[in-house]
Amino acid sequence: MLQSSLQRRTWLTLRRQEALWFHIFVVPWIIGFLVFTLYPTVAALYLSFTRYNALRPPVFIGLANYRNLFHDPVFFTSLRVTFTYAIIAVP
């Protein structure tokens, strides 16, 4: 009986150590993901709905930027060129 409880305590200690090492190795990756991927993506999405100038604070204008984008003929030309390049260069 004494040996069984000792094995159980050792197992819990090993499990806690494994959990601790897991968190030690995973936390830097999570911080890097949040700082270098998630934050810039969310910031870019927010700024896409604003009129932004580096000298003035952003002003929310909603979907006006996207409306202007879809009425610009250069946008569709750039999409066509990009897809053509991707189809030729990627394979």
Protein backbone atom coordinates (compact mmCIF):
# COMPACT_ATOMS: atom_id res chain seq x y z
CA MET A 1 0.00 0.00 0.00
CA LEU A 2 2.81 2.39 0.88
CA GLN A 3 4.60 1.72 -2.38
CA SER A 4 1.41 2.32 -4.40
CA SER A 5 0.90 5.78 -2.89
CA LEU A 6 4.58 6.59 -3.44
CA GLN A 7 4.28 5.58 -7.10
CA ARG A 8 1.16 7.73 -7.43
CA ARG A 9 2.93 10.78 -5.95
CA THR A 10 5.91 10.23 -8.23
CA TRP A 11 3.59 9.95 -11.22
CA LEU A 12 1.85 13.22 -10.31
CA THR A 13 5.19 14.89 -9.88
CA LEU A 14 6.33 13.66 -13.29
CA ARG A 15 3.06 14.79 -14.83
CA ARG A 16 3.48 18.26 -13.33
CA GLN A 17 7.06 18.43 -14.55
CA GLU A 18 5.98 17.49 -18.05
CA ALA A 19 3.24 20.11 -17.95
CA LEU A 20 5.71 22.72 -16.74
CA TRP A 21 8.19 21.93 -19.52
CA PHE A 22 5.36 21.96 -22.05
CA HIS A 23 4.39 25.47 -20.99
CA ILE A 24 8.00 26.63 -20.93
CA PHE A 25 8.44 25.54 -24.55
CA VAL A 26 5.02 26.63 -25.84
CA VAL A 27 4.69 30.09 -24.27
CA PRO A 28 7.45 31.73 -26.38
CA TRP A 29 5.80 30.43 -29.54
CA ILE A 30 2.41 31.79 -28.46
CA ILE A 31 3.91 35.18 -27.61
CA GLY A 32 5.69 35.27 -30.97
CA PHE A 33 2.49 34.34 -32.78
CA LEU A 34 0.51 37.05 -31.01
CA VAL A 35 3.13 39.76 -31.49
CA PHE A 36 4.31 39.00 -35.02
CA THR A 37 1.21 37.50 -36.69
CA LEU A 38 -2.07 38.14 -34.93
CA TYR A 39 -1.53 41.79 -33.92
CA PRO A 40 -0.39 42.97 -37.39
CA THR A 41 -3.28 41.11 -39.03
CA VAL A 42 -5.88 42.67 -36.73
CA ALA A 43 -4.27 46.12 -37.05
CA ALA A 44 -4.29 45.87 -40.86
CA LEU A 45 -7.93 44.81 -40.84
CA TYR A 46 -8.82 47.75 -38.57
CA LEU A 47 -6.88 50.22 -40.72
CA SER A 48 -8.60 48.93 -43.87
CA PHE A 49 -11.85 50.37 -42.53
CA THR A 50 -10.34 53.80 -41.80
CA ARG A 51 -8.91 56.80 -43.62
CA TYR A 52 -5.40 56.75 -42.30
CA ASN A 53 -2.64 59.32 -42.55
CA ALA A 54 0.62 58.92 -40.62
CA LEU A 55 0.29 62.48 -39.30
CA ARG A 56 -3.34 62.23 -38.16
CA PRO A 57 -5.28 59.62 -36.24
CA PRO A 58 -7.35 57.12 -38.25
CA VAL A 59 -10.95 58.10 -39.08
CA PHE A 60 -13.47 55.27 -39.46
CA ILE A 61 -15.07 55.29 -42.93
CA GLY A 62 -16.50 51.77 -43.06
CA LEU A 63 -16.53 49.99 -46.42
CA ALA A 64 -15.68 53.07 -48.51
CA ASN A 65 -12.12 51.84 -49.11
CA TYR A 66 -13.44 48.54 -50.47
CA ARG A 67 -16.03 50.30 -52.62
CA ASN A 68 -13.27 52.41 -54.15
CA LEU A 69 -11.12 49.33 -54.60
CA PHE A 70 -13.73 47.44 -56.63
CA HIS A 71 -14.41 50.46 -58.85
CA ASP A 72 -10.71 50.82 -59.73
CA PRO A 73 -9.82 49.07 -63.01
CA VAL A 74 -6.16 48.77 -61.99
CA PHE A 75 -7.20 46.44 -59.14
CA PHE A 76 -8.62 43.84 -61.51
CA THR A 77 -5.62 44.16 -63.82
CA SER A 78 -3.28 43.54 -60.89
CA LEU A 79 -5.33 40.49 -59.84
CA ARG A 80 -5.13 39.06 -63.36
CA VAL A 81 -1.37 39.63 -63.55
CA THR A 82 -0.83 38.14 -60.07
CA PHE A 83 -2.84 35.00 -60.82
CA THR A 84 -1.13 34.58 -64.19
CA TYR A 85 2.27 34.84 -62.55
CA ALA A 86 1.26 32.38 -59.80
CA ILE A 87 -0.07 29.86 -62.31
CA ILE A 88 3.11 30.04 -64.39
CA ALA A 89 5.74 30.39 -61.63
CA VAL A 90 4.47 28.10 -58.88
CA PRO A 91 4.43 24.75 -60.73
